[in-house]
Protein backbone atom coordinates (compact mmCIF):
# COMPACT_ATOMS: atom_id res chain seq x y z
CA MET A 1 -14.29 -105.24 144.46
CA SER A 2 -12.08 -105.72 141.38
CA GLU A 3 -13.44 -105.46 137.85
CA LYS A 4 -12.76 -109.17 137.37
CA GLU A 5 -14.72 -110.11 140.49
CA GLY A 6 -17.59 -107.90 139.38
CA VAL A 7 -17.81 -109.73 136.07
CA ARG A 8 -17.89 -113.05 137.91
CA MET A 9 -20.77 -111.94 140.07
CA THR A 10 -22.93 -110.68 137.21
CA LYS A 11 -22.31 -113.48 134.70
CA LYS A 12 -22.99 -117.00 135.96
CA LYS A 13 -21.90 -119.85 133.71
CA HIS A 14 -23.87 -122.88 132.60
CA ILE A 15 -21.98 -125.85 134.08
CA CYS A 16 -22.35 -129.42 132.86
CA PHE A 17 -21.50 -132.09 135.43
CA ILE A 18 -20.52 -135.47 133.97
CA VAL A 19 -20.98 -138.10 136.68
CA PRO A 20 -21.28 -141.91 136.99
CA ASN A 21 -24.66 -141.73 138.74
CA TYR A 22 -27.08 -139.35 140.43
CA PRO A 23 -29.40 -139.85 143.41
CA THR A 24 -33.16 -139.77 143.73
CA GLN A 25 -35.22 -139.95 146.90
CA ASN A 26 -35.70 -143.71 146.45
CA ASP A 27 -32.20 -144.42 145.17
CA PRO A 28 -29.69 -142.45 147.30
CA VAL A 29 -26.55 -143.11 145.24
CA TYR A 30 -23.77 -140.54 144.82
CA THR A 31 -25.46 -138.15 147.25
CA PHE A 32 -22.14 -136.26 147.57
CA VAL A 33 -22.43 -135.31 143.88
CA LYS A 34 -25.92 -133.91 144.36
CA GLN A 35 -24.81 -131.93 147.43
CA LEU A 36 -22.16 -130.11 145.42
CA VAL A 37 -24.41 -129.56 142.39
CA ASP A 38 -27.17 -128.21 144.66
CA ALA A 39 -24.79 -125.82 146.40
CA ILE A 40 -23.45 -124.48 143.10
CA ALA A 41 -26.98 -124.14 141.67
CA LYS A 42 -27.96 -122.11 144.74
CA MET A 43 -25.06 -119.77 143.94
CA GLY A 44 -26.91 -118.83 140.77
CA TYR A 45 -25.22 -121.12 138.24
CA HIS A 46 -27.24 -123.01 135.65
CA CYS A 47 -26.42 -126.65 136.36
CA SER A 48 -26.95 -129.60 134.03
CA VAL A 49 -26.01 -133.17 134.92
CA ILE A 50 -25.30 -136.06 132.56
CA ALA A 51 -25.43 -139.39 134.41
CA PRO A 52 -25.71 -142.49 132.20
CA GLN A 53 -28.02 -145.22 133.49
CA SER A 54 -27.31 -148.90 132.93
CA LEU A 55 -30.18 -150.77 131.32
CA THR A 56 -28.45 -154.05 132.12
CA LYS A 57 -28.43 -153.30 135.86
CA LYS A 58 -32.06 -152.18 135.72
CA VAL A 59 -33.06 -155.56 134.25
CA PHE A 60 -31.07 -157.67 136.73
CA LYS A 61 -32.08 -155.57 139.74
CA LYS A 62 -35.66 -155.32 138.46
CA LYS A 63 -35.73 -151.54 138.75
CA SER A 64 -37.69 -149.19 136.57
CA ALA A 65 -35.65 -147.15 134.12
CA ARG A 66 -35.42 -143.46 134.95
CA PRO A 67 -36.60 -140.78 132.51
CA LEU A 68 -34.08 -139.68 129.91
CA PHE A 69 -34.54 -136.14 131.21
CA TRP A 70 -35.92 -134.83 134.49
CA GLN A 71 -35.54 -131.77 136.67
CA ASP A 72 -34.40 -131.80 140.26
CA CYS A 73 -36.24 -128.88 141.84
CA LEU A 74 -34.35 -127.58 144.87
CA LYS A 75 -36.66 -124.72 145.74
CA GLU A 76 -38.77 -122.18 143.91
CA GLY A 77 -36.85 -120.82 140.95
CA ILE A 78 -33.86 -123.18 141.33
CA ARG A 79 -33.65 -126.44 139.42
CA VAL A 80 -31.02 -128.82 138.10
CA ASP A 81 -31.48 -130.39 134.66
CA VAL A 82 -30.67 -134.10 134.80
CA TYR A 83 -29.98 -136.09 131.62
CA GLN A 84 -29.76 -139.88 131.97
CA PRO A 85 -29.03 -141.58 128.65
CA ARG A 86 -29.54 -145.33 128.73
CA VAL A 87 -26.63 -147.64 127.98
CA LEU A 88 -25.96 -151.36 127.91
CA THR A 89 -23.19 -152.45 130.26
CA PHE A 90 -21.06 -155.59 130.10
CA SER A 91 -19.12 -155.58 133.37
CA ASN A 92 -15.34 -155.64 132.66
CA LEU A 93 -15.50 -157.02 129.12
CA LYS A 94 -12.85 -155.44 126.87
CA LEU A 95 -12.31 -155.03 123.14
CA PHE A 96 -9.02 -153.73 121.70
CA GLY A 97 -7.91 -152.55 125.14
CA ARG A 98 -11.11 -150.62 125.80
CA ASN A 99 -13.73 -151.42 128.41
CA ILE A 100 -16.90 -151.86 126.34
CA SER A 101 -19.22 -150.49 129.02
CA ALA A 102 -17.08 -147.37 129.54
CA THR A 103 -16.88 -146.78 125.78
CA LEU A 104 -20.65 -147.08 125.30
CA ALA A 105 -21.28 -144.76 128.26
CA GLN A 106 -18.79 -142.27 126.84
CA LYS A 107 -20.50 -142.20 123.44
CA ALA A 108 -23.89 -141.76 125.14
CA VAL A 109 -22.61 -138.79 127.17
CA ILE A 110 -21.10 -137.10 124.10
CA ARG A 111 -24.38 -137.49 122.17
CA CYS A 112 -26.33 -136.19 125.15
CA PHE A 113 -24.13 -133.09 125.53
CA LYS A 114 -24.86 -132.15 121.92
CA GLN A 115 -28.61 -132.19 122.69
CA ILE A 116 -28.50 -129.86 125.71
CA LYS A 117 -30.27 -126.62 124.99
CA SER A 118 -28.29 -123.51 125.83
CA SER A 119 -24.94 -125.22 125.45
CA PRO A 120 -22.95 -125.42 128.72
CA GLU A 121 -19.90 -123.18 128.94
CA LEU A 122 -17.96 -125.36 131.39
CA LEU A 123 -17.46 -129.09 132.04
CA TYR A 124 -16.98 -130.59 135.51
CA ALA A 125 -16.29 -134.34 135.56
CA HIS A 126 -16.48 -136.55 138.64
CA PHE A 127 -13.63 -139.08 138.61
CA TRP A 128 -10.92 -139.51 136.01
CA HIS A 129 -12.86 -141.80 133.67
CA SER A 130 -15.55 -139.14 133.37
CA GLY A 131 -12.71 -136.67 132.87
CA VAL A 132 -11.61 -138.53 129.73
CA THR A 133 -15.10 -138.05 128.31
CA ALA A 134 -15.12 -134.39 129.34
CA GLY A 135 -11.77 -133.92 127.62
CA LEU A 136 -13.13 -135.23 124.34
CA ILE A 137 -16.15 -132.93 124.56
CA SER A 138 -13.85 -130.04 125.46
CA GLN A 139 -11.78 -130.60 122.33
CA LYS A 140 -14.85 -130.75 120.10
CA TYR A 141 -16.72 -127.75 121.54
CA GLN A 142 -13.84 -125.67 122.93
CA ARG A 143 -15.09 -125.68 126.51
CA PRO A 144 -12.87 -125.54 129.61
CA PHE A 145 -13.02 -128.72 131.67
CA PHE A 146 -12.17 -129.75 135.21
CA VAL A 147 -11.90 -133.13 136.90
CA ALA A 148 -12.75 -133.96 140.51
CA THR A 149 -10.80 -136.98 141.68
CA GLY A 150 -12.19 -138.73 144.75
CA GLU A 151 -11.83 -142.40 143.85
CA SER A 152 -10.74 -144.80 146.58
CA LYS A 153 -8.39 -146.09 143.88
CA ILE A 154 -8.03 -144.47 140.47
CA TRP A 155 -9.04 -147.04 137.84
CA VAL A 156 -9.13 -145.02 134.59
CA GLU A 157 -6.26 -147.03 133.08
CA SER A 158 -8.38 -150.18 133.28
CA LEU A 159 -11.04 -148.54 131.08
CA PHE A 160 -9.18 -146.76 128.29
CA PRO A 161 -5.85 -147.14 126.44
CA ARG A 162 -3.14 -144.85 127.80
CA GLN A 163 -2.89 -142.88 124.56
CA THR A 164 -6.62 -142.14 124.68
CA ILE A 165 -6.29 -140.92 128.28
CA ASP A 166 -3.30 -138.68 127.50
CA ASN A 167 -4.92 -137.18 124.41
CA ALA A 168 -8.22 -136.48 126.18
CA LEU A 169 -6.61 -134.91 129.25
CA ALA A 170 -4.02 -132.83 127.41
CA GLY A 171 -6.02 -129.62 127.63
CA ILE A 172 -7.33 -130.00 131.19
CA ASN A 173 -7.86 -126.72 133.03
CA GLY A 174 -7.70 -127.98 136.59
CA VAL A 175 -8.09 -130.87 139.01
CA ILE A 176 -9.95 -130.82 142.33
CA CYS A 177 -8.53 -133.55 144.60
CA VAL A 178 -10.55 -134.55 147.66
CA SER A 179 -7.40 -135.57 149.52
CA THR A 180 -3.64 -135.30 149.38
CA LYS A 181 -3.68 -139.05 148.75
CA ASN A 182 -5.76 -138.54 145.58
CA GLN A 183 -3.43 -135.78 144.44
CA LYS A 184 -0.38 -137.99 144.98
CA GLU A 185 -1.93 -140.92 143.12
CA SER A 186 -3.00 -138.69 140.20
CA LEU A 187 0.55 -137.34 139.94
CA GLU A 188 2.06 -140.81 140.07
CA LEU A 189 -0.22 -141.87 137.21
CA LYS A 190 0.79 -138.70 135.31
CA LEU A 191 -2.83 -137.69 134.70
CA SER A 192 -1.99 -134.01 135.21
CA THR A 193 0.61 -131.77 136.81
CA GLN A 194 0.74 -130.34 140.31
CA ASP A 195 0.36 -126.74 139.14
CA LYS A 196 -3.13 -127.65 137.91
CA MET A 197 -4.21 -129.37 141.14
CA ILE A 198 -5.80 -128.25 144.38
CA VAL A 199 -6.85 -130.27 147.43
CA ILE A 200 -10.38 -129.51 148.63
CA PRO A 201 -11.81 -132.28 150.87
CA ASN A 202 -15.41 -133.45 150.67
CA ALA A 203 -18.07 -131.70 152.71
CA ILE A 204 -21.38 -132.13 154.52
CA ASP A 205 -24.76 -130.47 154.31
CA PRO A 206 -25.17 -128.74 157.70
CA GLU A 207 -28.95 -128.73 157.24
CA LYS A 208 -28.97 -132.54 157.29
CA PHE A 209 -26.07 -133.39 159.61
CA TYR A 210 -25.87 -131.57 162.93
CA LYS A 211 -25.87 -132.26 166.65
CA ILE A 212 -29.18 -133.40 168.20
CA ASP A 213 -29.91 -134.23 171.83
CA GLN A 214 -28.95 -137.89 172.15
CA MET A 215 -31.64 -138.87 174.63
CA LEU A 216 -34.42 -137.32 172.53
CA VAL A 217 -33.35 -139.10 169.36
CA ARG A 218 -32.88 -142.42 171.19
CA LYS A 219 -36.42 -142.15 172.50
CA LYS A 220 -37.63 -141.42 168.97
CA LEU A 221 -35.85 -144.51 167.60
CA GLY A 222 -36.72 -146.76 170.52
CA PHE A 223 -33.14 -147.21 171.75
CA LYS A 224 -32.24 -147.45 175.46
CA GLU A 225 -30.84 -144.33 177.12
CA ASP A 226 -27.97 -146.11 178.88
CA ASP A 227 -26.65 -148.23 175.97
CA PHE A 228 -23.20 -147.59 174.53
CA ILE A 229 -23.81 -147.50 170.78
CA VAL A 230 -21.26 -147.82 167.97
CA ALA A 231 -22.19 -146.62 164.47
CA PHE A 232 -20.86 -147.79 161.10
CA MET A 233 -21.81 -146.42 157.68
CA GLY A 234 -20.68 -147.67 154.30
CA SER A 235 -20.90 -150.57 151.89
CA PHE A 236 -21.03 -153.97 153.52
CA ASP A 237 -17.82 -155.18 151.91
CA GLN A 238 -14.20 -156.03 152.59
CA ARG A 239 -12.88 -152.55 151.81
CA LYS A 240 -15.09 -150.73 154.29
CA GLY A 241 -14.45 -153.33 156.99
CA VAL A 242 -17.97 -154.16 158.13
CA MET A 243 -17.00 -157.71 159.14
CA ARG A 244 -13.83 -156.55 160.89
CA LEU A 245 -16.01 -154.33 163.04
CA SER A 246 -18.49 -157.16 163.57
CA GLU A 247 -15.63 -159.37 164.79
CA ALA A 248 -14.23 -156.59 167.01
CA MET A 249 -17.63 -156.07 168.69
CA LYS A 250 -17.34 -159.56 170.20
CA ALA A 251 -14.55 -158.18 172.40
CA VAL A 252 -16.58 -155.16 173.53
CA ASN A 253 -18.83 -155.91 176.49
CA GLN A 254 -22.27 -154.38 176.90
CA ALA A 255 -22.26 -152.40 173.67
CA LYS A 256 -24.68 -152.10 170.76
CA VAL A 257 -24.01 -151.34 167.09
CA ILE A 258 -25.78 -149.71 164.15
CA TYR A 259 -24.78 -150.71 160.62
CA ILE A 260 -25.97 -148.24 157.98
CA GLY A 261 -25.49 -149.52 154.45
CA SER A 262 -25.88 -152.61 152.32
CA GLY A 263 -23.84 -155.22 150.50
CA LYS A 264 -22.96 -158.89 150.19
CA LEU A 265 -21.40 -159.21 153.66
CA ILE A 266 -24.03 -159.30 156.39
CA PRO A 267 -22.99 -158.65 160.02
CA THR A 268 -24.71 -160.76 162.66
CA GLY A 269 -24.98 -160.65 166.44
CA ASP A 270 -27.34 -159.96 169.31
CA GLU A 271 -25.75 -156.53 169.79
CA ILE A 272 -27.13 -155.16 166.47
CA LEU A 273 -29.77 -152.46 166.86
CA PHE A 274 -30.13 -151.78 163.14
CA ALA A 275 -28.55 -153.02 159.91
CA GLY A 276 -29.56 -151.82 156.47
CA ARG A 277 -29.96 -148.85 154.15
CA LEU A 278 -31.56 -145.60 155.25
CA PRO A 279 -32.95 -142.62 153.36
CA HIS A 280 -30.29 -139.92 153.45
CA ASP A 281 -32.47 -137.60 155.54
CA GLN A 282 -32.77 -140.23 158.32
CA ILE A 283 -29.08 -141.01 158.73
CA GLY A 284 -28.49 -138.03 161.02
CA ASP A 285 -30.88 -139.44 163.63
CA TYR A 286 -29.06 -142.76 163.83
CA LEU A 287 -25.66 -141.09 164.03
CA ASN A 288 -26.85 -138.79 166.81
CA ALA A 289 -28.17 -141.79 168.72
CA SER A 290 -24.64 -143.25 168.76
CA ASP A 291 -21.62 -142.67 170.99
CA VAL A 292 -18.80 -143.33 168.53
CA PHE A 293 -18.35 -143.84 164.80
CA VAL A 294 -16.13 -146.66 163.52
CA LEU A 295 -15.02 -147.09 159.91
CA PRO A 296 -12.14 -149.58 159.53
CA THR A 297 -11.78 -148.82 155.83
CA LEU A 298 -8.89 -149.90 153.62
CA ALA A 299 -9.18 -147.20 150.97
CA GLU A 300 -11.00 -143.90 150.46
CA GLY A 301 -10.83 -140.72 148.50
CA SER A 302 -12.23 -138.56 151.29
CA SER A 303 -14.86 -140.26 153.45
CA ASN A 304 -18.22 -138.49 153.45
CA ALA A 305 -19.41 -140.88 156.15
CA ILE A 306 -16.67 -139.74 158.53
CA LEU A 307 -17.45 -136.06 157.90
CA GLU A 308 -21.17 -136.65 158.47
CA ALA A 309 -20.45 -138.46 161.74
CA MET A 310 -18.17 -135.62 162.89
CA ALA A 311 -20.93 -133.10 162.15
CA CYS A 312 -23.14 -135.06 164.54
CA GLY A 313 -20.44 -134.78 167.22
CA LEU A 314 -19.13 -138.35 167.14
CA PRO A 315 -15.56 -139.32 168.02
CA ILE A 316 -14.04 -141.22 165.10
CA ILE A 317 -12.17 -144.52 164.99
CA SER A 318 -10.74 -145.11 161.54
CA SER A 319 -7.71 -145.99 159.47
CA ASP A 320 -4.25 -144.58 160.06
CA GLN A 321 -3.62 -144.48 156.29
CA ASP A 322 -3.00 -141.21 154.44
CA PHE A 323 -6.46 -140.82 152.90
CA ASN A 324 -7.71 -139.71 156.32
CA ASP A 325 -4.95 -137.15 156.89
CA ASP A 326 -6.89 -134.19 155.43
CA ILE A 327 -10.00 -134.65 157.57
CA LEU A 328 -8.94 -136.23 160.88
CA THR A 329 -6.72 -135.00 163.70
CA PRO A 330 -5.60 -136.59 167.00
CA ALA A 331 -8.02 -134.23 168.76
CA ASP A 332 -11.11 -135.82 167.21
CA SER A 333 -10.12 -139.39 166.33
CA ILE A 334 -8.27 -142.57 167.18
CA ARG A 335 -6.41 -143.86 164.12
CA ILE A 336 -5.72 -147.58 163.95
CA ASP A 337 -4.50 -150.33 161.64
CA CYS A 338 -7.85 -151.12 160.07
CA MET A 339 -6.86 -154.76 159.41
CA ASP A 340 -6.17 -155.35 163.12
CA VAL A 341 -9.43 -156.51 164.73
CA ASN A 342 -7.87 -156.33 168.21
CA ALA A 343 -6.84 -152.70 167.63
CA ILE A 344 -10.41 -151.84 166.56
CA ALA A 345 -11.81 -153.48 169.69
CA GLU A 346 -9.25 -151.78 171.96
CA ALA A 347 -10.07 -148.35 170.53
CA ILE A 348 -13.80 -148.91 171.06
CA ASN A 349 -13.25 -150.13 174.61
CA ARG A 350 -11.01 -147.16 175.32
CA LEU A 351 -13.72 -144.68 174.36
CA LYS A 352 -16.43 -146.72 176.05
CA ASN A 353 -14.58 -146.75 179.35
CA ASP A 354 -13.28 -143.16 179.29
CA ARG A 355 -16.21 -140.76 179.21
CA GLN A 356 -13.98 -137.69 179.49
CA LEU A 357 -11.88 -138.70 176.48
CA ARG A 358 -15.05 -139.44 174.54
CA SER A 359 -16.43 -136.04 175.44
CA ARG A 360 -13.23 -134.23 174.37
CA LEU A 361 -13.04 -136.01 171.03
CA SER A 362 -16.75 -135.38 170.47
CA ALA A 363 -16.44 -131.65 171.05
CA SER A 364 -13.39 -131.45 168.79
CA ALA A 365 -15.08 -133.44 166.01
CA LEU A 366 -18.10 -131.15 166.12
CA ALA A 367 -15.94 -128.01 166.00
CA HIS A 368 -13.68 -129.39 163.27
CA SER A 369 -16.67 -130.33 161.10
CA GLN A 370 -17.63 -126.66 160.77
CA SER A 371 -14.79 -126.22 158.26
CA PHE A 372 -16.31 -128.86 155.97
CA HIS A 373 -19.64 -127.24 155.09
CA ILE A 374 -20.79 -127.78 151.51
CA GLU A 375 -21.43 -124.07 150.84
CA ASN A 376 -17.80 -123.30 151.67
CA ARG A 377 -16.55 -126.15 149.51
CA ALA A 378 -18.68 -125.07 146.56
CA ALA A 379 -17.43 -121.48 146.86
CA ARG A 380 -13.79 -122.65 146.99
CA ILE A 381 -14.28 -124.84 143.93
CA ILE A 382 -15.96 -122.09 141.91
CA ASP A 383 -13.28 -119.59 142.89
CA TYR A 384 -10.57 -122.06 141.87
CA ILE A 385 -12.30 -122.76 138.54
CA GLU A 386 -12.67 -119.07 137.72
CA ASN A 387 -9.05 -118.35 138.64
CA MET A 388 -7.73 -121.22 136.50
CA ILE A 389 -9.83 -120.12 133.52
CA ASP A 390 -8.62 -116.53 133.93
CA GLU A 391 -4.99 -117.69 134.14
CA LYS A 392 -5.32 -119.69 130.93
CA LYS A 393 -6.85 -116.70 129.13
CA GLU A 394 -3.93 -114.53 130.20
CA VAL A 395 -1.29 -116.99 128.93
């Protein structure tokens, strides 16, 4: 072990994660953020999270406001401090080129950071708009900061003037891109340079998503043993393609479908076994009860839903666009034009009618998913962060 590695092992930093939202048991939003924070906390790092909460949305959705501060206890001796300052939001209303909601959230985060006891030594922002806020805090408190970009489409320029973005990101230490597509888009927008970027795809929690005997879980859920079942997971909207799948299912004979998610578009049909939201710890059962996973999505950063389905041993049918290139291979998936309903139906029918192909893709998906475990991702991210900080010190 080198002297540098020894120092890393004995001194664990206090990391502040700046994120758009954070999940609770009853509100499973941004679960991928919690998975990463949990994994890093279990590595011995002190983790604090700042996740502004919209009072406006609470009123319209008739939800109770969360505490301004609470602790997410992972297990004995390990906790994550969660700060949730309350802000008013005004949709896309702008003033002098600034999105008012984003500006108010930014000010709330900066005030909140100042109040954290035992000041964090490192900032980790999820998405570029959070990165702008992290950059401003970094300049004020001289803290290194990193940005994780995983947006389906990077929208930071719609929130802040370009000069504000450039000034805030000027001292960025590094960028974690969940896909080559995100890296390419970030470079095209000139948010950072390639020498400060690394591609590390999203990951799954192997304790929650793993292969279960299909017949046992179907019995548990009350599904028939001999049904061919298609699974979908995501927002019920145009981008994710829930209605394109619903239309494609009309051309698939003797098949059932599970829709996990929620949104304004509601799939209908006699073939539906389930449609709606599920607690995160129940999703694995429904995936394992299925034969194939279909996500005809138009845009992603790196799809957590696909990775979770692969970890349950499901063959994947999804988009042939570049955002899937880092997580899917021909051995575990059929890639299609996600706007072509006939192509979606043909791919489903192909796997339905070819049990051997389905079995091969299933085995490959399960094996491939082993490289996307959250503990490995967290370790890669921490190693990258430490290396980039060390490099900057040496310059």
